[in-house]
Amino acid sequence: VRGEGSRLWDQQGKEYIDFAGGIAVNALGHAHPQLIRALTEQ
């Protein structure tokens, strides 16, 4: 339900280290601040 960097948390609050990367998609991890800014500005 939530991610930051290379960590994710599930509905129960359990933490995971993410080495799957959305199958080589999340090049900059989760919720990267510069990507959030680019998306929200546009």
Full PDB file with SEQRES, HELIX, SHEET, SSBOND, CRYST1, ORIGX, SCALE, CONECT and MASTER records, all heavy atoms in Angstrom:
SEQRES   1 A   42  VAL ARG GLY GLU GLY SER ARG LEU TRP ASP GLN GLN GLY          
SEQRES   2 A   42  LYS GLU TYR ILE ASP PHE ALA GLY GLY ILE ALA VAL ASN          
SEQRES   3 A   42  ALA LEU GLY HIS ALA HIS PRO GLN LEU ILE ARG ALA LEU          
SEQRES   4 A   42  THR GLU GLN                                                  
HELIX    1 AA1 GLY A   21  ALA A   24  1                                   4    
HELIX    2 AA2 PRO A   33  GLU A   41  1                                   9    
SHEET    1 AA1 3 ARG A   2  GLU A   4  0                                        
SHEET    2 AA1 3 ARG A   7  TRP A   9 -1                                        
SHEET    3 AA1 3 GLU A  15  ILE A  17 -1                                        
CRYST1    1.000    1.000    1.000  90.00  90.00  90.00 P 1           1          
ORIGX1      1.000000  0.000000  0.000000        0.00000                         
ORIGX2      0.000000  1.000000  0.000000        0.00000                         
ORIGX3      0.000000  0.000000  1.000000        0.00000                         
SCALE1      1.000000  0.000000  0.000000        0.00000                         
SCALE2      0.000000  1.000000  0.000000        0.00000                         
SCALE3      0.000000  0.000000  1.000000        0.00000                         
ATOM      1  N   VAL A   1       0.812  -1.222   0.000  1.00  0.00           N  
ATOM      2  CA  VAL A   1       0.000   0.000   0.000  1.00  0.00           C  
ATOM      3  C   VAL A   1       0.844   1.270   0.000  1.00  0.00           C  
ATOM      4  O   VAL A   1       0.328   2.347  -0.310  1.00  0.00           O  
ATOM      5  CB  VAL A   1      -0.971   0.037   1.208  1.00  0.00           C  
ATOM      6  CG1 VAL A   1      -2.009  -1.064   1.082  1.00  0.00           C  
ATOM      7  CG2 VAL A   1      -0.221  -0.067   2.537  1.00  0.00           C  
ATOM      8  N   ARG A   2       2.139   1.171   0.335  1.00  0.00           N  
ATOM      9  CA  ARG A   2       2.968   2.374   0.393  1.00  0.00           C  
ATOM     10  C   ARG A   2       4.420   2.003   0.162  1.00  0.00           C  
ATOM     11  O   ARG A   2       4.867   0.926   0.587  1.00  0.00           O  
ATOM     12  CB  ARG A   2       2.831   3.043   1.766  1.00  0.00           C  
ATOM     13  CG  ARG A   2       3.604   4.345   1.910  1.00  0.00           C  
ATOM     14  CD  ARG A   2       3.280   5.018   3.241  1.00  0.00           C  
ATOM     15  NE  ARG A   2       3.806   4.284   4.386  1.00  0.00           N  
ATOM     16  CZ  ARG A   2       5.048   4.439   4.875  1.00  0.00           C  
ATOM     17  NH1 ARG A   2       5.885   5.288   4.294  1.00  0.00           N  
ATOM     18  NH2 ARG A   2       5.428   3.765   5.929  1.00  0.00           N  
ATOM     19  N   GLY A   3       5.145   2.873  -0.537  1.00  0.00           N  
ATOM     20  CA  GLY A   3       6.556   2.620  -0.777  1.00  0.00           C  
ATOM     21  C   GLY A   3       7.387   3.871  -0.604  1.00  0.00           C  
ATOM     22  O   GLY A   3       6.898   4.994  -0.760  1.00  0.00           O  
ATOM     23  N   GLU A   4       8.654   3.652  -0.303  1.00  0.00           N  
ATOM     24  CA  GLU A   4       9.621   4.744  -0.228  1.00  0.00           C  
ATOM     25  C   GLU A   4      10.999   4.161  -0.488  1.00  0.00           C  
ATOM     26  O   GLU A   4      11.421   3.222   0.208  1.00  0.00           O  
ATOM     27  CB  GLU A   4       9.586   5.417   1.145  1.00  0.00           C  
ATOM     28  CG  GLU A   4      10.508   6.628   1.248  1.00  0.00           C  
ATOM     29  CD  GLU A   4      10.426   7.310   2.603  1.00  0.00           C  
ATOM     30  OE1 GLU A   4       9.389   7.187   3.290  1.00  0.00           O  
ATOM     31  OE2 GLU A   4      11.416   7.967   2.974  1.00  0.00           O  
ATOM     32  N   GLY A   5      11.689   4.681  -1.504  1.00  0.00           N  
ATOM     33  CA  GLY A   5      12.990   4.121  -1.860  1.00  0.00           C  
ATOM     34  C   GLY A   5      12.837   2.674  -2.296  1.00  0.00           C  
ATOM     35  O   GLY A   5      12.036   2.356  -3.170  1.00  0.00           O  
ATOM     36  N   SER A   6      13.580   1.780  -1.664  1.00  0.00           N  
ATOM     37  CA  SER A   6      13.476   0.345  -1.980  1.00  0.00           C  
ATOM     38  C   SER A   6      12.742  -0.419  -0.885  1.00  0.00           C  
ATOM     39  O   SER A   6      12.964  -1.616  -0.690  1.00  0.00           O  
ATOM     40  CB  SER A   6      14.871  -0.251  -2.203  1.00  0.00           C  
ATOM     41  OG  SER A   6      15.409   0.212  -3.420  1.00  0.00           O  
ATOM     42  N   ARG A   7      11.851   0.273  -0.193  1.00  0.00           N  
ATOM     43  CA  ARG A   7      11.015  -0.375   0.825  1.00  0.00           C  
ATOM     44  C   ARG A   7       9.542  -0.219   0.469  1.00  0.00           C  
ATOM     45  O   ARG A   7       9.121   0.802  -0.080  1.00  0.00           O  
ATOM     46  CB  ARG A   7      11.279   0.222   2.206  1.00  0.00           C  
ATOM     47  CG  ARG A   7      12.557  -0.284   2.857  1.00  0.00           C  
ATOM     48  CD  ARG A   7      12.768   0.356   4.240  1.00  0.00           C  
ATOM     49  NE  ARG A   7      13.686  -0.425   5.053  1.00  0.00           N  
ATOM     50  CZ  ARG A   7      15.019  -0.315   4.990  1.00  0.00           C  
ATOM     51  NH1 ARG A   7      15.571   0.560   4.148  1.00  0.00           N  
ATOM     52  NH2 ARG A   7      15.785  -1.067   5.762  1.00  0.00           N  
ATOM     53  N   LEU A   8       8.773  -1.254   0.803  1.00  0.00           N  
ATOM     54  CA  LEU A   8       7.322  -1.236   0.661  1.00  0.00           C  
ATOM     55  C   LEU A   8       6.702  -1.734   1.957  1.00  0.00           C  
ATOM     56  O   LEU A   8       7.319  -2.516   2.689  1.00  0.00           O  
ATOM     57  CB  LEU A   8       6.872  -2.156  -0.481  1.00  0.00           C  
ATOM     58  CG  LEU A   8       6.966  -1.631  -1.916  1.00  0.00           C  
ATOM     59  CD1 LEU A   8       6.803  -2.781  -2.889  1.00  0.00           C  
ATOM     60  CD2 LEU A   8       5.893  -0.584  -2.177  1.00  0.00           C  
ATOM     61  N   TRP A   9       5.457  -1.283   2.210  1.00  0.00           N  
ATOM     62  CA  TRP A   9       4.713  -1.764   3.368  1.00  0.00           C  
ATOM     63  C   TRP A   9       3.354  -2.260   2.900  1.00  0.00           C  
ATOM     64  O   TRP A   9       2.733  -1.679   2.007  1.00  0.00           O  
ATOM     65  CB  TRP A   9       4.529  -0.635   4.388  1.00  0.00           C  
ATOM     66  CG  TRP A   9       5.810  -0.254   5.054  1.00  0.00           C  
ATOM     67  CD1 TRP A   9       6.289  -0.729   6.246  1.00  0.00           C  
ATOM     68  CD2 TRP A   9       6.791   0.683   4.587  1.00  0.00           C  
ATOM     69  NE1 TRP A   9       7.509  -0.157   6.535  1.00  0.00           N  
ATOM     70  CE2 TRP A   9       7.847   0.720   5.541  1.00  0.00           C  
ATOM     71  CE3 TRP A   9       6.904   1.491   3.449  1.00  0.00           C  
ATOM     72  CZ2 TRP A   9       8.969   1.516   5.387  1.00  0.00           C  
ATOM     73  CZ3 TRP A   9       8.020   2.290   3.293  1.00  0.00           C  
ATOM     74  CH2 TRP A   9       9.045   2.298   4.261  1.00  0.00           C  
ATOM     75  N   ASP A  10       2.900  -3.378   3.515  1.00  0.00           N  
ATOM     76  CA  ASP A  10       1.615  -3.950   3.105  1.00  0.00           C  
ATOM     77  C   ASP A  10       0.486  -3.440   3.995  1.00  0.00           C  
ATOM     78  O   ASP A  10       0.676  -2.561   4.848  1.00  0.00           O  
ATOM     79  CB  ASP A  10       1.694  -5.481   3.066  1.00  0.00           C  
ATOM     80  CG  ASP A  10       1.842  -6.141   4.437  1.00  0.00           C  
ATOM     81  OD1 ASP A  10       1.643  -5.456   5.467  1.00  0.00           O  
ATOM     82  OD2 ASP A  10       2.149  -7.353   4.477  1.00  0.00           O  
ATOM     83  N   GLN A  11      -0.715  -3.974   3.794  1.00  0.00           N  
ATOM     84  CA  GLN A  11      -1.897  -3.514   4.512  1.00  0.00           C  
ATOM     85  C   GLN A  11      -1.767  -3.670   6.023  1.00  0.00           C  
ATOM     86  O   GLN A  11      -2.367  -2.915   6.786  1.00  0.00           O  
ATOM     87  CB  GLN A  11      -3.132  -4.286   4.035  1.00  0.00           C  
ATOM     88  CG  GLN A  11      -3.577  -3.936   2.626  1.00  0.00           C  
ATOM     89  CD  GLN A  11      -4.691  -4.845   2.166  1.00  0.00           C  
ATOM     90  OE1 GLN A  11      -4.609  -6.069   2.299  1.00  0.00           O  
ATOM     91  NE2 GLN A  11      -5.747  -4.251   1.609  1.00  0.00           N  
ATOM     92  N   GLN A  12      -0.973  -4.659   6.426  1.00  0.00           N  
ATOM     93  CA  GLN A  12      -0.784  -4.914   7.857  1.00  0.00           C  
ATOM     94  C   GLN A  12       0.403  -4.154   8.436  1.00  0.00           C  
ATOM     95  O   GLN A  12       0.713  -4.282   9.622  1.00  0.00           O  
ATOM     96  CB  GLN A  12      -0.598  -6.423   8.110  1.00  0.00           C  
ATOM     97  CG  GLN A  12      -1.887  -7.236   8.016  1.00  0.00           C  
ATOM     98  CD  GLN A  12      -2.419  -7.333   6.587  1.00  0.00           C  
ATOM     99  OE1 GLN A  12      -1.666  -7.604   5.658  1.00  0.00           O  
ATOM    100  NE2 GLN A  12      -3.712  -7.092   6.427  1.00  0.00           N  
ATOM    101  N   GLY A  13       1.092  -3.377   7.592  1.00  0.00           N  
ATOM    102  CA  GLY A  13       2.232  -2.609   8.067  1.00  0.00           C  
ATOM    103  C   GLY A  13       3.548  -3.357   8.026  1.00  0.00           C  
ATOM    104  O   GLY A  13       4.580  -2.830   8.465  1.00  0.00           O  
ATOM    105  N   LYS A  14       3.551  -4.567   7.487  1.00  0.00           N  
ATOM    106  CA  LYS A  14       4.804  -5.320   7.370  1.00  0.00           C  
ATOM    107  C   LYS A  14       5.690  -4.685   6.310  1.00  0.00           C  
ATOM    108  O   LYS A  14       5.224  -4.307   5.226  1.00  0.00           O  
ATOM    109  CB  LYS A  14       4.519  -6.780   7.007  1.00  0.00           C  
ATOM    110  CG  LYS A  14       5.778  -7.630   6.853  1.00  0.00           C  
ATOM    111  CD  LYS A  14       5.447  -9.089   6.569  1.00  0.00           C  
ATOM    112  CE  LYS A  14       6.699  -9.896   6.276  1.00  0.00           C  
ATOM    113  NZ  LYS A  14       6.410 -11.333   6.048  1.00  0.00           N  
ATOM    114  N   GLU A  15       6.993  -4.580   6.600  1.00  0.00           N  
ATOM    115  CA  GLU A  15       7.952  -3.961   5.690  1.00  0.00           C  
ATOM    116  C   GLU A  15       8.610  -5.009   4.801  1.00  0.00           C  
ATOM    117  O   GLU A  15       8.941  -6.104   5.253  1.00  0.00           O  
ATOM    118  CB  GLU A  15       9.040  -3.248   6.503  1.00  0.00           C  
ATOM    119  CG  GLU A  15      10.117  -2.604   5.653  1.00  0.00           C  
ATOM    120  CD  GLU A  15      11.408  -2.380   6.428  1.00  0.00           C  
ATOM    121  OE1 GLU A  15      11.490  -1.332   7.077  1.00  0.00           O  
ATOM    122  OE2 GLU A  15      12.304  -3.255   6.374  1.00  0.00           O  
ATOM    123  N   TYR A  16       8.812  -4.633   3.549  1.00  0.00           N  
ATOM    124  CA  TYR A  16       9.529  -5.475   2.586  1.00  0.00           C  
ATOM    125  C   TYR A  16      10.638  -4.644   1.936  1.00  0.00           C  
ATOM    126  O   TYR A  16      10.442  -3.468   1.636  1.00  0.00           O  
ATOM    127  CB  TYR A  16       8.595  -5.965   1.477  1.00  0.00           C  
ATOM    128  CG  TYR A  16       7.432  -6.792   1.959  1.00  0.00           C  
ATOM    129  CD1 TYR A  16       6.284  -6.170   2.457  1.00  0.00           C  
ATOM    130  CD2 TYR A  16       7.473  -8.181   1.929  1.00  0.00           C  
ATOM    131  CE1 TYR A  16       5.215  -6.919   2.916  1.00  0.00           C  
ATOM    132  CE2 TYR A  16       6.395  -8.938   2.387  1.00  0.00           C  
ATOM    133  CZ  TYR A  16       5.280  -8.299   2.879  1.00  0.00           C  
ATOM    134  OH  TYR A  16       4.222  -9.037   3.335  1.00  0.00           O  
ATOM    135  N   ILE A  17      11.782  -5.269   1.725  1.00  0.00           N  
ATOM    136  CA  ILE A  17      12.794  -4.701   0.834  1.00  0.00           C  
ATOM    137  C   ILE A  17      12.444  -5.164  -0.575  1.00  0.00           C  
ATOM    138  O   ILE A  17      12.193  -6.356  -0.807  1.00  0.00           O  
ATOM    139  CB  ILE A  17      14.212  -5.169   1.218  1.00  0.00           C  
ATOM    140  CG1 ILE A  17      14.576  -4.705   2.624  1.00  0.00           C  
ATOM    141  CG2 ILE A  17      15.228  -4.666   0.188  1.00  0.00           C  
ATOM    142  CD1 ILE A  17      14.857  -3.239   2.777  1.00  0.00           C  
ATOM    143  N   ASP A  18      12.420  -4.234  -1.527  1.00  0.00           N  
ATOM    144  CA  ASP A  18      11.967  -4.533  -2.885  1.00  0.00           C  
ATOM    145  C   ASP A  18      13.160  -4.718  -3.813  1.00  0.00           C  
ATOM    146  O   ASP A  18      13.772  -3.741  -4.253  1.00  0.00           O  
ATOM    147  CB  ASP A  18      11.058  -3.410  -3.388  1.00  0.00           C  
ATOM    148  CG  ASP A  18      10.528  -3.669  -4.784  1.00  0.00           C  
ATOM    149  OD1 ASP A  18      10.757  -4.779  -5.317  1.00  0.00           O  
ATOM    150  OD2 ASP A  18       9.895  -2.763  -5.350  1.00  0.00           O  
ATOM    151  N   PHE A  19      13.484  -5.980  -4.119  1.00  0.00           N  
ATOM    152  CA  PHE A  19      14.495  -6.304  -5.124  1.00  0.00           C  
ATOM    153  C   PHE A  19      13.849  -6.796  -6.424  1.00  0.00           C  
ATOM    154  O   PHE A  19      14.538  -7.287  -7.313  1.00  0.00           O  
ATOM    155  CB  PHE A  19      15.467  -7.370  -4.603  1.00  0.00           C  
ATOM    156  CG  PHE A  19      16.443  -6.882  -3.558  1.00  0.00           C  
ATOM    157  CD1 PHE A  19      17.195  -7.795  -2.827  1.00  0.00           C  
ATOM    158  CD2 PHE A  19      16.626  -5.535  -3.310  1.00  0.00           C  
ATOM    159  CE1 PHE A  19      18.102  -7.359  -1.861  1.00  0.00           C  
ATOM    160  CE2 PHE A  19      17.525  -5.086  -2.347  1.00  0.00           C  
ATOM    161  CZ  PHE A  19      18.264  -6.020  -1.620  1.00  0.00           C  
ATOM    162  N   ALA A  20      12.513  -6.681  -6.506  1.00  0.00           N  
ATOM    163  CA  ALA A  20      11.815  -7.039  -7.746  1.00  0.00           C  
ATOM    164  C   ALA A  20      11.710  -5.830  -8.671  1.00  0.00           C  
ATOM    165  O   ALA A  20      11.752  -5.961  -9.893  1.00  0.00           O  
ATOM    166  CB  ALA A  20      10.427  -7.589  -7.426  1.00  0.00           C  
ATOM    167  N   GLY A  21      11.558  -4.659  -8.078  1.00  0.00           N  
ATOM    168  CA  GLY A  21      11.550  -3.425  -8.853  1.00  0.00           C  
ATOM    169  C   GLY A  21      10.462  -3.364  -9.904  1.00  0.00           C  
ATOM    170  O   GLY A  21      10.644  -2.749 -10.962  1.00  0.00           O  
ATOM    171  N   GLY A  22       9.303  -4.001  -9.602  1.00  0.00           N  
ATOM    172  CA  GLY A  22       8.227  -3.985 -10.596  1.00  0.00           C  
ATOM    173  C   GLY A  22       8.623  -4.661 -11.891  1.00  0.00           C  
ATOM    174  O   GLY A  22       8.133  -4.325 -12.966  1.00  0.00           O  
ATOM    175  N   ILE A  23       9.517  -5.664 -11.799  1.00  0.00           N  
ATOM    176  CA  ILE A  23      10.122  -6.364 -12.947  1.00  0.00           C  
ATOM    177  C   ILE A  23      10.930  -5.370 -13.791  1.00  0.00           C  
ATOM    178  O   ILE A  23      10.651  -5.117 -14.958  1.00  0.00           O  
ATOM    179  CB  ILE A  23       9.105  -7.149 -13.802  1.00  0.00           C  
ATOM    180  CG1 ILE A  23       8.106  -7.910 -12.924  1.00  0.00           C  
ATOM    181  CG2 ILE A  23       9.845  -8.128 -14.723  1.00  0.00           C  
ATOM    182  CD1 ILE A  23       7.065  -8.717 -13.686  1.00  0.00           C  
ATOM    183  N   ALA A  24      11.931  -4.785 -13.138  1.00  0.00           N  
ATOM    184  CA  ALA A  24      12.890  -3.875 -13.799  1.00  0.00           C  
ATOM    185  C   ALA A  24      12.237  -2.581 -14.284  1.00  0.00           C  
ATOM    186  O   ALA A  24      12.686  -1.983 -15.251  1.00  0.00           O  
ATOM    187  CB  ALA A  24      13.622  -4.578 -14.941  1.00  0.00           C  
ATOM    188  N   VAL A  25      11.191  -2.153 -13.595  1.00  0.00           N  
ATOM    189  CA  VAL A  25      10.477  -0.926 -13.954  1.00  0.00           C  
ATOM    190  C   VAL A  25      10.874   0.242 -13.053  1.00  0.00           C  
ATOM    191  O   VAL A  25      11.139   1.344 -13.526  1.00  0.00           O  
ATOM    192  CB  VAL A  25       8.950  -1.152 -13.883  1.00  0.00           C  
ATOM    193  CG1 VAL A  25       8.196   0.177 -13.935  1.00  0.00           C  
ATOM    194  CG2 VAL A  25       8.500  -2.060 -15.018  1.00  0.00           C  
ATOM    195  N   ASN A  26      10.919  -0.001 -11.751  1.00  0.00           N  
ATOM    196  CA  ASN A  26      11.099   1.081 -10.782  1.00  0.00           C  
ATOM    197  C   ASN A  26      12.574   1.457 -10.659  1.00  0.00           C  
ATOM    198  O   ASN A  26      13.215   1.228  -9.631  1.00  0.00           O  
ATOM    199  CB  ASN A  26      10.529   0.666  -9.419  1.00  0.00           C  
ATOM    200  CG  ASN A  26       9.056   0.312  -9.506  1.00  0.00           C  
ATOM    201  OD1 ASN A  26       8.315   0.916 -10.275  1.00  0.00           O  
ATOM    202  ND2 ASN A  26       8.645  -0.675  -8.746  1.00  0.00           N  
ATOM    203  N   ALA A  27      13.101   2.083 -11.701  1.00  0.00           N  
ATOM    204  CA  ALA A  27      14.534   2.378 -11.768  1.00  0.00           C  
ATOM    205  C   ALA A  27      14.993   3.241 -10.609  1.00  0.00           C  
ATOM    206  O   ALA A  27      16.143   3.122 -10.158  1.00  0.00           O  
ATOM    207  CB  ALA A  27      14.858   3.078 -13.090  1.00  0.00           C  
ATOM    208  N   LEU A  28      14.122   4.096 -10.116  1.00  0.00           N  
ATOM    209  CA  LEU A  28      14.484   5.022  -9.040  1.00  0.00           C  
ATOM    210  C   LEU A  28      13.721   4.716  -7.758  1.00  0.00           C  
ATOM    211  O   LEU A  28      13.565   5.582  -6.896  1.00  0.00           O  
ATOM    212  CB  LEU A  28      14.245   6.462  -9.497  1.00  0.00           C  
ATOM    213  CG  LEU A  28      15.054   6.874 -10.742  1.00  0.00           C  
ATOM    214  CD1 LEU A  28      14.674   8.260 -11.212  1.00  0.00           C  
ATOM    215  CD2 LEU A  28      16.557   6.793 -10.478  1.00  0.00           C  
ATOM    216  N   GLY A  29      13.267   3.481  -7.626  1.00  0.00           N  
ATOM    217  CA  GLY A  29      12.557   3.077  -6.427  1.00  0.00           C  
ATOM    218  C   GLY A  29      11.150   3.640  -6.382  1.00  0.00           C  
ATOM    219  O   GLY A  29      10.571   4.023  -7.401  1.00  0.00           O  
ATOM    220  N   HIS A  30      10.599   3.697  -5.179  1.00  0.00           N  
ATOM    221  CA  HIS A  30       9.219   4.140  -4.976  1.00  0.00           C  
ATOM    222  C   HIS A  30       9.182   5.578  -4.489  1.00  0.00           C  
ATOM    223  O   HIS A  30      10.001   6.007  -3.675  1.00  0.00           O  
ATOM    224  CB  HIS A  30       8.527   3.236  -3.962  1.00  0.00           C  
ATOM    225  CG  HIS A  30       8.468   1.803  -4.388  1.00  0.00           C  
ATOM    226  ND1 HIS A  30       7.583   1.339  -5.324  1.00  0.00           N  
ATOM    227  CD2 HIS A  30       9.233   0.736  -4.027  1.00  0.00           C  
ATOM    228  CE1 HIS A  30       7.780   0.040  -5.520  1.00  0.00           C  
ATOM    229  NE2 HIS A  30       8.780  -0.343  -4.747  1.00  0.00           N  
ATOM    230  N   ALA A  31       8.200   6.329  -4.992  1.00  0.00           N  
ATOM    231  CA  ALA A  31       7.904   7.686  -4.514  1.00  0.00           C  
ATOM    232  C   ALA A  31       9.128   8.595  -4.550  1.00  0.00           C  
ATOM    233  O   ALA A  31       9.385   9.353  -3.617  1.00  0.00           O  
ATOM    234  CB  ALA A  31       7.323   7.626  -3.094  1.00  0.00           C  
ATOM    235  N   HIS A  32       9.884   8.520  -5.645  1.00  0.00           N  
ATOM    236  CA  HIS A  32      11.062   9.385  -5.773  1.00  0.00           C  
ATOM    237  C   HIS A  32      10.593  10.843  -5.853  1.00  0.00           C  
ATOM    238  O   HIS A  32       9.740  11.184  -6.684  1.00  0.00           O  
ATOM    239  CB  HIS A  32      11.846   9.011  -7.028  1.00  0.00           C  
ATOM    240  CG  HIS A  32      13.184   9.652  -7.102  1.00  0.00           C  
ATOM    241  ND1 HIS A  32      13.360  10.980  -7.417  1.00  0.00           N  
ATOM    242  CD2 HIS A  32      14.441   9.158  -6.877  1.00  0.00           C  
ATOM    243  CE1 HIS A  32      14.636  11.275  -7.403  1.00  0.00           C  
ATOM    244  NE2 HIS A  32      15.321  10.192  -7.066  1.00  0.00           N  
ATOM    245  N   PRO A  33      11.135  11.717  -5.017  1.00  0.00           N  
ATOM    246  CA  PRO A  33      10.593  13.085  -4.946  1.00  0.00           C  
ATOM    247  C   PRO A  33      10.652  13.855  -6.261  1.00  0.00           C  
ATOM    248  O   PRO A  33       9.736  14.638  -6.561  1.00  0.00           O  
ATOM    249  CB  PRO A  33      11.441  13.755  -3.854  1.00  0.00           C  
ATOM    250  CG  PRO A  33      12.612  12.855  -3.623  1.00  0.00           C  
ATOM    251  CD  PRO A  33      12.176  11.486  -4.008  1.00  0.00           C  
ATOM    252  N   GLN A  34      11.705  13.653  -7.064  1.00  0.00           N  
ATOM    253  CA  GLN A  34      11.783  14.386  -8.333  1.00  0.00           C  
ATOM    254  C   GLN A  34      10.746  13.889  -9.337  1.00  0.00           C  
ATOM    255  O   GLN A  34      10.229  14.669 -10.145  1.00  0.00           O  
ATOM    256  CB  GLN A  34      13.191  14.277  -8.913  1.00  0.00           C  
ATOM    257  CG  GLN A  34      14.221  15.103  -8.156  1.00  0.00           C  
ATOM    258  CD  GLN A  34      15.626  14.881  -8.655  1.00  0.00           C  
ATOM    259  OE1 GLN A  34      16.462  14.290  -7.963  1.00  0.00           O  
ATOM    260  NE2 GLN A  34      15.917  15.344  -9.863  1.00  0.00           N  
ATOM    261  N   LEU A  35      10.416  12.605  -9.287  1.00  0.00           N  
ATOM    262  CA  LEU A  35       9.382  12.077 -10.186  1.00  0.00           C  
ATOM    263  C   LEU A  35       8.001  12.538  -9.737  1.00  0.00           C  
ATOM    264  O   LEU A  35       7.142  12.847 -10.575  1.00  0.00           O  
ATOM    265  CB  LEU A  35       9.445  10.551 -10.244  1.00  0.00           C  
ATOM    266  CG  LEU A  35      10.768   9.924 -10.692  1.00  0.00           C  
ATOM    267  CD1 LEU A  35      10.576   8.442 -10.994  1.00  0.00           C  
ATOM    268  CD2 LEU A  35      11.346  10.644 -11.910  1.00  0.00           C  
ATOM    269  N   ILE A  36       7.795  12.560  -8.440  1.00  0.00           N  
ATOM    270  CA  ILE A  36       6.520  13.084  -7.920  1.00  0.00           C  
ATOM    271  C   ILE A  36       6.327  14.528  -8.367  1.00  0.00           C  
ATOM    272  O   ILE A  36       5.241  14.918  -8.821  1.00  0.00           O  
ATOM    273  CB  ILE A  36       6.488  12.985  -6.379  1.00  0.00           C  
ATOM    274  CG1 ILE A  36       6.442  11.524  -5.932  1.00  0.00           C  
ATOM    275  CG2 ILE A  36       5.288  13.756  -5.817  1.00  0.00           C  
ATOM    276  CD1 ILE A  36       6.622  11.339  -4.433  1.00  0.00           C  
ATOM    277  N   ARG A  37       7.385  15.315  -8.277  1.00  0.00           N  
ATOM    278  CA  ARG A  37       7.295  16.729  -8.668  1.00  0.00           C  
ATOM    279  C   ARG A  37       7.006  16.868 -10.161  1.00  0.00           C  
ATOM    280  O   ARG A  37       6.133  17.661 -10.566  1.00  0.00           O  
ATOM    281  CB  ARG A  37       8.587  17.457  -8.297  1.00  0.00           C  
ATOM    282  CG  ARG A  37       8.519  18.953  -8.548  1.00  0.00           C  
ATOM    283  CD  ARG A  37       9.614  19.722  -7.824  1.00  0.00           C  
ATOM    284  NE  ARG A  37      10.954  19.265  -8.200  1.00  0.00           N  
ATOM    285  CZ  ARG A  37      11.780  18.597  -7.384  1.00  0.00           C  
ATOM    286  NH1 ARG A  37      11.402  18.286  -6.155  1.00  0.00           N  
ATOM    287  NH2 ARG A  37      12.976  18.222  -7.793  1.00  0.00           N  
ATOM    288  N   ALA A  38       7.713  16.079 -11.003  1.00  0.00           N  
ATOM    289  CA  ALA A  38       7.486  16.165 -12.449  1.00  0.00           C  
ATOM    290  C   ALA A  38       6.052  15.782 -12.802  1.00  0.00           C  
ATOM    291  O   ALA A  38       5.408  16.432 -13.646  1.00  0.00           O  
ATOM    292  CB  ALA A  38       8.474  15.253 -13.178  1.00  0.00           C  
ATOM    293  N   LEU A  39       5.546  14.738 -12.156  1.00  0.00           N  
ATOM    294  CA  LEU A  39       4.189  14.274 -12.432  1.00  0.00           C  
ATOM    295  C   LEU A  39       3.153  15.305 -11.981  1.00  0.00           C  
ATOM    296  O   LEU A  39       2.241  15.656 -12.740  1.00  0.00           O  
ATOM    297  CB  LEU A  39       3.940  12.943 -11.726  1.00  0.00           C  
ATOM    298  CG  LEU A  39       2.541  12.347 -11.865  1.00  0.00           C  
ATOM    299  CD1 LEU A  39       2.190  12.083 -13.317  1.00  0.00           C  
ATOM    300  CD2 LEU A  39       2.421  11.070 -11.044  1.00  0.00           C  
ATOM    301  N   THR A  40       3.296  15.800 -10.775  1.00  0.00           N  
ATOM    302  CA  THR A  40       2.274  16.716 -10.251  1.00  0.00           C  
ATOM    303  C   THR A  40       2.300  18.068 -10.952  1.00  0.00           C  
ATOM    304  O   THR A  40       1.244  18.686 -11.164  1.00  0.00           O  
ATOM    305  CB  THR A  40       2.430  16.899  -8.726  1.00  0.00           C  
ATOM    306  OG1 THR A  40       3.773  17.278  -8.417  1.00  0.00           O  
ATOM    307  CG2 THR A  40       2.113  15.609  -7.998  1.00  0.00           C  
ATOM    308  N   GLU A  41       3.490  18.524 -11.344  1.00  0.00           N  
ATOM    309  CA  GLU A  41       3.562  19.789 -12.090  1.00  0.00           C  
ATOM    310  C   GLU A  41       2.822  19.673 -13.417  1.00  0.00           C  
ATOM    311  O   GLU A  41       2.042  20.554 -13.795  1.00  0.00           O  
ATOM    312  CB  GLU A  41       5.023  20.189 -12.313  1.00  0.00           C  
ATOM    313  CG  GLU A  41       5.685  20.794 -11.088  1.00  0.00           C  
ATOM    314  CD  GLU A  41       7.121  21.216 -11.349  1.00  0.00           C  
ATOM    315  OE1 GLU A  41       7.586  21.102 -12.517  1.00  0.00           O  
ATOM    316  OE2 GLU A  41       7.785  21.655 -10.401  1.00  0.00           O  
ATOM    317  N   GLN A  42       3.055  18.572 -14.147  1.00  0.00           N  
ATOM    318  CA  GLN A  42       2.360  18.401 -15.424  1.00  0.00           C  
ATOM    319  C   GLN A  42       0.873  18.136 -15.205  1.00  0.00           C  
ATOM    320  O   GLN A  42       0.030  18.609 -15.973  1.00  0.00           O  
ATOM    321  CB  GLN A  42       2.988  17.265 -16.234  1.00  0.00           C  
ATOM    322  CG  GLN A  42       2.361  17.064 -17.610  1.00  0.00           C  
ATOM    323  CD  GLN A  42       2.427  18.309 -18.482  1.00  0.00           C  
ATOM    324  OE1 GLN A  42       3.450  18.989 -18.540  1.00  0.00           O  
ATOM    325  NE2 GLN A  42       1.335  18.612 -19.172  1.00  0.00           N  
TER     326      GLN A  42                                                      
MASTER        0    0    0    2    3    0    0    6  325    1    0    4          
END                                                                             
